[in-house]
Amino acid sequence: MQFEGAVIKRQGVTFGIIIVKPAVLRSQDERARVRGFGVRVFGRMPIVLMAQDSRGVATHSGRRDIVSFLSKLSIRQIPWKRYTIS
């Protein structure tokens, strides 16, 4: 399985970001499932989910302070990586 994500450390807080489809953000169960997956992959840290609409506008779901921080960044400023999980 492959997914796009990133791990960021800012002001002593380390968190993971996982790119998801917009439908995931609309489902509480799916958000919880993907966050659980993120903790298994990245370790015990806050997990933020990010989806883009058809115009490329990002929407984030997660801890408010982290979402606020990410909303001020361009998507290109995030150190995205493709993760492969077997």
PDB file of N, CA and C in Angstrom:
ATOM      1  N   MET A   1       0.838  -1.174   0.000  1.00  0.00           N
ATOM      2  CA  MET A   1       0.000   0.000   0.000  1.00  0.00           C
ATOM      3  C   MET A   1       0.887   1.242   0.000  1.00  0.00           C
ATOM      4  N   GLN A   2       0.506   2.231  -0.782  1.00  0.00           N
ATOM      5  CA  GLN A   2       1.248   3.483  -0.830  1.00  0.00           C
ATOM      6  C   GLN A   2       0.329   4.642  -0.462  1.00  0.00           C
ATOM      7  N   PHE A   3       0.916   5.657   0.168  1.00  0.00           N
ATOM      8  CA  PHE A   3       0.173   6.876   0.450  1.00  0.00           C
ATOM      9  C   PHE A   3       1.150   8.033   0.512  1.00  0.00           C
ATOM     10  N   GLU A   4       0.612   9.238   0.357  1.00  0.00           N
ATOM     11  CA  GLU A   4       1.407  10.461   0.448  1.00  0.00           C
ATOM     12  C   GLU A   4       1.196  11.067   1.825  1.00  0.00           C
ATOM     13  N   GLY A   5       2.283  11.474   2.438  1.00  0.00           N
ATOM     14  CA  GLY A   5       2.176  12.072   3.756  1.00  0.00           C
ATOM     15  C   GLY A   5       3.442  12.811   4.109  1.00  0.00           C
ATOM     16  N   ALA A   6       3.471  13.283   5.338  1.00  0.00           N
ATOM     17  CA  ALA A   6       4.640  14.015   5.825  1.00  0.00           C
ATOM     18  C   ALA A   6       4.650  13.970   7.343  1.00  0.00           C
ATOM     19  N   VAL A   7       5.832  14.102   7.891  1.00  0.00           N
ATOM     20  CA  VAL A   7       5.998  14.282   9.331  1.00  0.00           C
ATOM     21  C   VAL A   7       6.694  15.622   9.508  1.00  0.00           C
ATOM     22  N   ILE A   8       6.104  16.467  10.339  1.00  0.00           N
ATOM     23  CA  ILE A   8       6.628  17.813  10.555  1.00  0.00           C
ATOM     24  C   ILE A   8       6.841  18.025  12.044  1.00  0.00           C
ATOM     25  N   LYS A   9       7.934  18.702  12.371  1.00  0.00           N
ATOM     26  CA  LYS A   9       8.183  19.107  13.754  1.00  0.00           C
ATOM     27  C   LYS A   9       8.210  20.629  13.775  1.00  0.00           C
ATOM     28  N   ARG A  10       7.357  21.201  14.609  1.00  0.00           N
ATOM     29  CA  ARG A  10       7.267  22.664  14.710  1.00  0.00           C
ATOM     30  C   ARG A  10       7.053  23.048  16.159  1.00  0.00           C
ATOM     31  N   GLN A  11       7.901  23.886  16.680  1.00  0.00           N
ATOM     32  CA  GLN A  11       7.812  24.385  18.053  1.00  0.00           C
ATOM     33  C   GLN A  11       7.633  23.248  19.056  1.00  0.00           C
ATOM     34  N   GLY A  12       8.407  22.196  18.871  1.00  0.00           N
ATOM     35  CA  GLY A  12       8.378  21.076  19.801  1.00  0.00           C
ATOM     36  C   GLY A  12       7.230  20.099  19.605  1.00  0.00           C
ATOM     37  N   VAL A  13       6.372  20.322  18.608  1.00  0.00           N
ATOM     38  CA  VAL A  13       5.256  19.414  18.330  1.00  0.00           C
ATOM     39  C   VAL A  13       5.561  18.672  17.036  1.00  0.00           C
ATOM     40  N   THR A  14       5.566  17.361  17.105  1.00  0.00           N
ATOM     41  CA  THR A  14       5.746  16.536  15.920  1.00  0.00           C
ATOM     42  C   THR A  14       4.392  15.969  15.537  1.00  0.00           C
ATOM     43  N   PHE A  15       4.027  16.087  14.262  1.00  0.00           N
ATOM     44  CA  PHE A  15       2.728  15.587  13.799  1.00  0.00           C
ATOM     45  C   PHE A  15       2.855  15.023  12.401  1.00  0.00           C
ATOM     46  N   GLY A  16       1.921  14.141  12.066  1.00  0.00           N
ATOM     47  CA  GLY A  16       1.882  13.542  10.743  1.00  0.00           C
ATOM     48  C   GLY A  16       0.732  14.109   9.940  1.00  0.00           C
ATOM     49  N   ILE A  17       0.913  14.139   8.634  1.00  0.00           N
ATOM     50  CA  ILE A  17      -0.144  14.547   7.709  1.00  0.00           C
ATOM     51  C   ILE A  17      -0.314  13.428   6.695  1.00  0.00           C
ATOM     52  N   ILE A  18      -1.557  13.101   6.411  1.00  0.00           N
ATOM     53  CA  ILE A  18      -1.858  12.094   5.391  1.00  0.00           C
ATOM     54  C   ILE A  18      -2.822  12.721   4.389  1.00  0.00           C
ATOM     55  N   ILE A  19      -2.509  12.589   3.109  1.00  0.00           N
ATOM     56  CA  ILE A  19      -3.402  13.060   2.054  1.00  0.00           C
ATOM     57  C   ILE A  19      -4.505  12.021   1.859  1.00  0.00           C
ATOM     58  N   VAL A  20      -5.751  12.505   1.870  1.00  0.00           N
ATOM     59  CA  VAL A  20      -6.907  11.628   1.697  1.00  0.00           C
ATOM     60  C   VAL A  20      -7.832  12.221   0.638  1.00  0.00           C
ATOM     61  N   LYS A  21      -8.784  11.439   0.207  1.00  0.00           N
ATOM     62  CA  LYS A  21      -9.817  11.925  -0.703  1.00  0.00           C
ATOM     63  C   LYS A  21     -10.824  12.754   0.103  1.00  0.00           C
ATOM     64  N   PRO A  22     -11.463  13.743  -0.532  1.00  0.00           N
ATOM     65  CA  PRO A  22     -12.416  14.589   0.193  1.00  0.00           C
ATOM     66  C   PRO A  22     -13.521  13.806   0.923  1.00  0.00           C
ATOM     67  N   ALA A  23     -13.945  12.679   0.376  1.00  0.00           N
ATOM     68  CA  ALA A  23     -15.001  11.895   1.022  1.00  0.00           C
ATOM     69  C   ALA A  23     -14.582  11.412   2.408  1.00  0.00           C
ATOM     70  N   VAL A  24     -13.304  11.180   2.619  1.00  0.00           N
ATOM     71  CA  VAL A  24     -12.825  10.733   3.928  1.00  0.00           C
ATOM     72  C   VAL A  24     -13.099  11.803   4.981  1.00  0.00           C
ATOM     73  N   LEU A  25     -12.908  13.071   4.613  1.00  0.00           N
ATOM     74  CA  LEU A  25     -13.134  14.151   5.572  1.00  0.00           C
ATOM     75  C   LEU A  25     -14.608  14.306   5.935  1.00  0.00           C
ATOM     76  N   ARG A  26     -15.495  13.799   5.104  1.00  0.00           N
ATOM     77  CA  ARG A  26     -16.938  13.908   5.374  1.00  0.00           C
ATOM     78  C   ARG A  26     -17.463  12.782   6.248  1.00  0.00           C
ATOM     79  N   SER A  27     -16.644  11.807   6.550  1.00  0.00           N
ATOM     80  CA  SER A  27     -17.082  10.641   7.327  1.00  0.00           C
ATOM     81  C   SER A  27     -16.284  10.536   8.623  1.00  0.00           C
ATOM     82  N   GLN A  28     -16.962  10.647   9.735  1.00  0.00           N
ATOM     83  CA  GLN A  28     -16.287  10.541  11.036  1.00  0.00           C
ATOM     84  C   GLN A  28     -15.602   9.190  11.183  1.00  0.00           C
ATOM     85  N   ASP A  29     -16.268   8.117  10.761  1.00  0.00           N
ATOM     86  CA  ASP A  29     -15.681   6.779  10.860  1.00  0.00           C
ATOM     87  C   ASP A  29     -14.419   6.654  10.009  1.00  0.00           C
ATOM     88  N   GLU A  30     -14.458   7.192   8.796  1.00  0.00           N
ATOM     89  CA  GLU A  30     -13.285   7.128   7.917  1.00  0.00           C
ATOM     90  C   GLU A  30     -12.139   7.970   8.461  1.00  0.00           C
ATOM     91  N   ARG A  31     -12.452   9.149   8.992  1.00  0.00           N
ATOM     92  CA  ARG A  31     -11.399   9.981   9.590  1.00  0.00           C
ATOM     93  C   ARG A  31     -10.720   9.223  10.728  1.00  0.00           C
ATOM     94  N   ALA A  32     -11.516   8.587  11.581  1.00  0.00           N
ATOM     95  CA  ALA A  32     -10.953   7.833  12.715  1.00  0.00           C
ATOM     96  C   ALA A  32     -10.110   6.663  12.218  1.00  0.00           C
ATOM     97  N   ARG A  33     -10.577   5.976  11.176  1.00  0.00           N
ATOM     98  CA  ARG A  33      -9.850   4.824  10.638  1.00  0.00           C
ATOM     99  C   ARG A  33      -8.496   5.263  10.083  1.00  0.00           C
ATOM    100  N   VAL A  34      -8.475   6.346   9.303  1.00  0.00           N
ATOM    101  CA  VAL A  34      -7.217   6.800   8.699  1.00  0.00           C
ATOM    102  C   VAL A  34      -6.282   7.362   9.766  1.00  0.00           C
ATOM    103  N   ARG A  35      -6.822   8.048  10.756  1.00  0.00           N
ATOM    104  CA  ARG A  35      -5.953   8.532  11.844  1.00  0.00           C
ATOM    105  C   ARG A  35      -5.321   7.358  12.597  1.00  0.00           C
ATOM    106  N   GLY A  36      -6.100   6.304  12.831  1.00  0.00           N
ATOM    107  CA  GLY A  36      -5.548   5.106  13.473  1.00  0.00           C
ATOM    108  C   GLY A  36      -4.438   4.501  12.641  1.00  0.00           C
ATOM    109  N   PHE A  37      -4.640   4.453  11.335  1.00  0.00           N
ATOM    110  CA  PHE A  37      -3.604   3.979  10.420  1.00  0.00           C
ATOM    111  C   PHE A  37      -2.358   4.864  10.542  1.00  0.00           C
ATOM    112  N   GLY A  38      -2.557   6.183  10.588  1.00  0.00           N
ATOM    113  CA  GLY A  38      -1.436   7.113  10.700  1.00  0.00           C
ATOM    114  C   GLY A  38      -0.619   6.895  11.960  1.00  0.00           C
ATOM    115  N   VAL A  39      -1.286   6.630  13.060  1.00  0.00           N
ATOM    116  CA  VAL A  39      -0.571   6.364  14.317  1.00  0.00           C
ATOM    117  C   VAL A  39       0.238   5.073  14.201  1.00  0.00           C
ATOM    118  N   ARG A  40      -0.320   4.068  13.535  1.00  0.00           N
ATOM    119  CA  ARG A  40       0.426   2.815  13.357  1.00  0.00           C
ATOM    120  C   ARG A  40       1.659   3.022  12.478  1.00  0.00           C
ATOM    121  N   VAL A  41       1.547   3.886  11.484  1.00  0.00           N
ATOM    122  CA  VAL A  41       2.656   4.118  10.554  1.00  0.00           C
ATOM    123  C   VAL A  41       3.685   5.095  11.124  1.00  0.00           C
ATOM    124  N   PHE A  42       3.227   6.233  11.626  1.00  0.00           N
ATOM    125  CA  PHE A  42       4.125   7.297  12.082  1.00  0.00           C
ATOM    126  C   PHE A  42       4.479   7.208  13.563  1.00  0.00           C
ATOM    127  N   GLY A  43       3.706   6.478  14.324  1.00  0.00           N
ATOM    128  CA  GLY A  43       3.914   6.437  15.769  1.00  0.00           C
ATOM    129  C   GLY A  43       2.914   7.339  16.479  1.00  0.00           C
ATOM    130  N   ARG A  44       3.010   7.366  17.789  1.00  0.00           N
ATOM    131  CA  ARG A  44       2.056   8.124  18.598  1.00  0.00           C
ATOM    132  C   ARG A  44       2.339   9.621  18.465  1.00  0.00           C
ATOM    133  N   MET A  45       1.579  10.237  17.595  1.00  0.00           N
ATOM    134  CA  MET A  45       1.653  11.684  17.389  1.00  0.00           C
ATOM    135  C   MET A  45       0.315  12.124  16.807  1.00  0.00           C
ATOM    136  N   PRO A  46       0.001  13.406  16.895  1.00  0.00           N
ATOM    137  CA  PRO A  46      -1.234  13.876  16.255  1.00  0.00           C
ATOM    138  C   PRO A  46      -1.171  13.627  14.748  1.00  0.00           C
ATOM    139  N   ILE A  47      -2.307  13.247  14.185  1.00  0.00           N
ATOM    140  CA  ILE A  47      -2.403  13.000  12.747  1.00  0.00           C
ATOM    141  C   ILE A  47      -3.422  13.972  12.163  1.00  0.00           C
ATOM    142  N   VAL A  48      -3.002  14.689  11.139  1.00  0.00           N
ATOM    143  CA  VAL A  48      -3.881  15.607  10.424  1.00  0.00           C
ATOM    144  C   VAL A  48      -4.150  15.014   9.051  1.00  0.00           C
ATOM    145  N   LEU A  49      -5.394  15.099   8.618  1.00  0.00           N
ATOM    146  CA  LEU A  49      -5.771  14.626   7.292  1.00  0.00           C
ATOM    147  C   LEU A  49      -5.930  15.840   6.387  1.00  0.00           C
ATOM    148  N   MET A  50      -5.500  15.714   5.133  1.00  0.00           N
ATOM    149  CA  MET A  50      -5.586  16.801   4.185  1.00  0.00           C
ATOM    150  C   MET A  50      -6.172  16.295   2.880  1.00  0.00           C
ATOM    151  N   ALA A  51      -7.173  17.018   2.378  1.00  0.00           N
ATOM    152  CA  ALA A  51      -7.764  16.708   1.074  1.00  0.00           C
ATOM    153  C   ALA A  51      -7.777  17.989   0.252  1.00  0.00           C
ATOM    154  N   GLN A  52      -7.786  17.821  -1.066  1.00  0.00           N
ATOM    155  CA  GLN A  52      -7.862  18.961  -1.964  1.00  0.00           C
ATOM    156  C   GLN A  52      -9.123  18.856  -2.804  1.00  0.00           C
ATOM    157  N   ASP A  53      -9.733  20.011  -3.079  1.00  0.00           N
ATOM    158  CA  ASP A  53     -10.889  20.012  -3.972  1.00  0.00           C
ATOM    159  C   ASP A  53     -10.401  20.065  -5.419  1.00  0.00           C
ATOM    160  N   SER A  54     -11.321  20.168  -6.356  1.00  0.00           N
ATOM    161  CA  SER A  54     -10.964  20.127  -7.781  1.00  0.00           C
ATOM    162  C   SER A  54     -10.106  21.315  -8.203  1.00  0.00           C
ATOM    163  N   ARG A  55     -10.108  22.399  -7.418  1.00  0.00           N
ATOM    164  CA  ARG A  55      -9.271  23.565  -7.727  1.00  0.00           C
ATOM    165  C   ARG A  55      -7.930  23.515  -7.016  1.00  0.00           C
ATOM    166  N   GLY A  56      -7.708  22.460  -6.212  1.00  0.00           N
ATOM    167  CA  GLY A  56      -6.446  22.331  -5.498  1.00  0.00           C
ATOM    168  C   GLY A  56      -6.437  22.995  -4.132  1.00  0.00           C
ATOM    169  N   VAL A  57      -7.602  23.469  -3.685  1.00  0.00           N
ATOM    170  CA  VAL A  57      -7.696  24.120  -2.369  1.00  0.00           C
ATOM    171  C   VAL A  57      -7.709  23.036  -1.289  1.00  0.00           C
ATOM    172  N   ALA A  58      -6.812  23.188  -0.326  1.00  0.00           N
ATOM    173  CA  ALA A  58      -6.662  22.177   0.729  1.00  0.00           C
ATOM    174  C   ALA A  58      -7.651  22.411   1.863  1.00  0.00           C
ATOM    175  N   THR A  59      -8.143  21.299   2.423  1.00  0.00           N
ATOM    176  CA  THR A  59      -8.940  21.298   3.641  1.00  0.00           C
ATOM    177  C   THR A  59      -8.269  20.325   4.593  1.00  0.00           C
ATOM    178  N   HIS A  60      -8.123  20.745   5.851  1.00  0.00           N
ATOM    179  CA  HIS A  60      -7.454  19.919   6.856  1.00  0.00           C
ATOM    180  C   HIS A  60      -8.427  19.505   7.939  1.00  0.00           C
ATOM    181  N   SER A  61      -8.160  18.355   8.530  1.00  0.00           N
ATOM    182  CA  SER A  61      -8.944  17.869   9.669  1.00  0.00           C
ATOM    183  C   SER A  61      -7.964  17.376  10.721  1.00  0.00           C
ATOM    184  N   GLY A  62      -8.087  17.916  11.921  1.00  0.00           N
ATOM    185  CA  GLY A  62      -7.192  17.503  12.991  1.00  0.00           C
ATOM    186  C   GLY A  62      -7.168  18.530  14.097  1.00  0.00           C
ATOM    187  N   ARG A  63      -6.129  18.471  14.885  1.00  0.00           N
ATOM    188  CA  ARG A  63      -5.978  19.398  15.999  1.00  0.00           C
ATOM    189  C   ARG A  63      -6.002  20.844  15.518  1.00  0.00           C
ATOM    190  N   ARG A  64      -6.772  21.672  16.193  1.00  0.00           N
ATOM    191  CA  ARG A  64      -6.983  23.054  15.741  1.00  0.00           C
ATOM    192  C   ARG A  64      -5.695  23.854  15.594  1.00  0.00           C
ATOM    193  N   ASP A  65      -4.775  23.723  16.545  1.00  0.00           N
ATOM    194  CA  ASP A  65      -3.539  24.498  16.451  1.00  0.00           C
ATOM    195  C   ASP A  65      -2.714  24.079  15.238  1.00  0.00           C
ATOM    196  N   ILE A  66      -2.712  22.786  14.946  1.00  0.00           N
ATOM    197  CA  ILE A  66      -1.952  22.292  13.795  1.00  0.00           C
ATOM    198  C   ILE A  66      -2.639  22.695  12.495  1.00  0.00           C
ATOM    199  N   VAL A  67      -3.967  22.565  12.451  1.00  0.00           N
ATOM    200  CA  VAL A  67      -4.719  22.970  11.257  1.00  0.00           C
ATOM    201  C   VAL A  67      -4.509  24.464  10.988  1.00  0.00           C
ATOM    202  N   SER A  68      -4.513  25.268  12.041  1.00  0.00           N
ATOM    203  CA  SER A  68      -4.281  26.703  11.880  1.00  0.00           C
ATOM    204  C   SER A  68      -2.896  26.963  11.290  1.00  0.00           C
ATOM    205  N   PHE A  69      -1.895  26.267  11.796  1.00  0.00           N
ATOM    206  CA  PHE A  69      -0.534  26.397  11.267  1.00  0.00           C
ATOM    207  C   PHE A  69      -0.491  26.004   9.793  1.00  0.00           C
ATOM    208  N   LEU A  70      -1.087  24.867   9.452  1.00  0.00           N
ATOM    209  CA  LEU A  70      -1.040  24.375   8.074  1.00  0.00           C
ATOM    210  C   LEU A  70      -1.803  25.285   7.113  1.00  0.00           C
ATOM    211  N   SER A  71      -2.856  25.927   7.605  1.00  0.00           N
ATOM    212  CA  SER A  71      -3.644  26.800   6.726  1.00  0.00           C
ATOM    213  C   SER A  71      -2.841  28.003   6.249  1.00  0.00           C
ATOM    214  N   LYS A  72      -1.755  28.314   6.944  1.00  0.00           N
ATOM    215  CA  LYS A  72      -0.909  29.451   6.565  1.00  0.00           C
ATOM    216  C   LYS A  72       0.228  29.049   5.617  1.00  0.00           C
ATOM    217  N   LEU A  73       0.362  27.751   5.378  1.00  0.00           N
ATOM    218  CA  LEU A  73       1.423  27.250   4.500  1.00  0.00           C
ATOM    219  C   LEU A  73       0.874  26.942   3.118  1.00  0.00           C
ATOM    220  N   SER A  74       1.736  27.049   2.141  1.00  0.00           N
ATOM    221  CA  SER A  74       1.428  26.531   0.820  1.00  0.00           C
ATOM    222  C   SER A  74       1.639  25.017   0.864  1.00  0.00           C
ATOM    223  N   ILE A  75       0.879  24.291   0.109  1.00  0.00           N
ATOM    224  CA  ILE A  75       1.041  22.836   0.044  1.00  0.00           C
ATOM    225  C   ILE A  75       2.461  22.473  -0.389  1.00  0.00           C
ATOM    226  N   ARG A  76       3.069  23.331  -1.205  1.00  0.00           N
ATOM    227  CA  ARG A  76       4.431  23.085  -1.689  1.00  0.00           C
ATOM    228  C   ARG A  76       5.482  23.227  -0.588  1.00  0.00           C
ATOM    229  N   GLN A  77       5.136  23.853   0.524  1.00  0.00           N
ATOM    230  CA  GLN A  77       6.087  24.010   1.625  1.00  0.00           C
ATOM    231  C   GLN A  77       6.162  22.780   2.522  1.00  0.00           C
ATOM    232  N   ILE A  78       5.269  21.845   2.327  1.00  0.00           N
ATOM    233  CA  ILE A  78       5.232  20.642   3.163  1.00  0.00           C
ATOM    234  C   ILE A  78       6.157  19.593   2.533  1.00  0.00           C
ATOM    235  N   PRO A  79       6.996  18.949   3.345  1.00  0.00           N
ATOM    236  CA  PRO A  79       7.955  17.959   2.812  1.00  0.00           C
ATOM    237  C   PRO A  79       7.289  16.600   2.529  1.00  0.00           C
ATOM    238  N   TRP A  80       6.443  16.572   1.504  1.00  0.00           N
ATOM    239  CA  TRP A  80       5.693  15.352   1.169  1.00  0.00           C
ATOM    240  C   TRP A  80       6.637  14.218   0.816  1.00  0.00           C
ATOM    241  N   LYS A  81       6.177  13.039   1.141  1.00  0.00           N
ATOM    242  CA  LYS A  81       6.925  11.817   0.840  1.00  0.00           C
ATOM    243  C   LYS A  81       5.933  10.722   0.490  1.00  0.00           C
ATOM    244  N   ARG A  82       6.305   9.852  -0.404  1.00  0.00           N
ATOM    245  CA  ARG A  82       5.478   8.679  -0.710  1.00  0.00           C
ATOM    246  C   ARG A  82       5.935   7.558   0.200  1.00  0.00           C
ATOM    247  N   TYR A  83       5.012   7.050   0.977  1.00  0.00           N
ATOM    248  CA  TYR A  83       5.303   5.944   1.917  1.00  0.00           C
ATOM    249  C   TYR A  83       4.766   4.659   1.315  1.00  0.00           C
ATOM    250  N   THR A  84       5.521   3.597   1.440  1.00  0.00           N
ATOM    251  CA  THR A  84       5.096   2.275   0.999  1.00  0.00           C
ATOM    252  C   THR A  84       5.051   1.374   2.225  1.00  0.00           C
ATOM    253  N   ILE A  85       3.884   0.819   2.469  1.00  0.00           N
ATOM    254  CA  ILE A  85       3.660  -0.054   3.619  1.00  0.00           C
ATOM    255  C   ILE A  85       3.318  -1.442   3.088  1.00  0.00           C
ATOM    256  N   SER A  86       4.011  -2.450   3.598  1.00  0.00           N
ATOM    257  CA  SER A  86       3.712  -3.815   3.118  1.00  0.00           C
ATOM    258  C   SER A  86       2.833  -4.563   4.098  1.00  0.00           C
TER     259      SER A  86
END
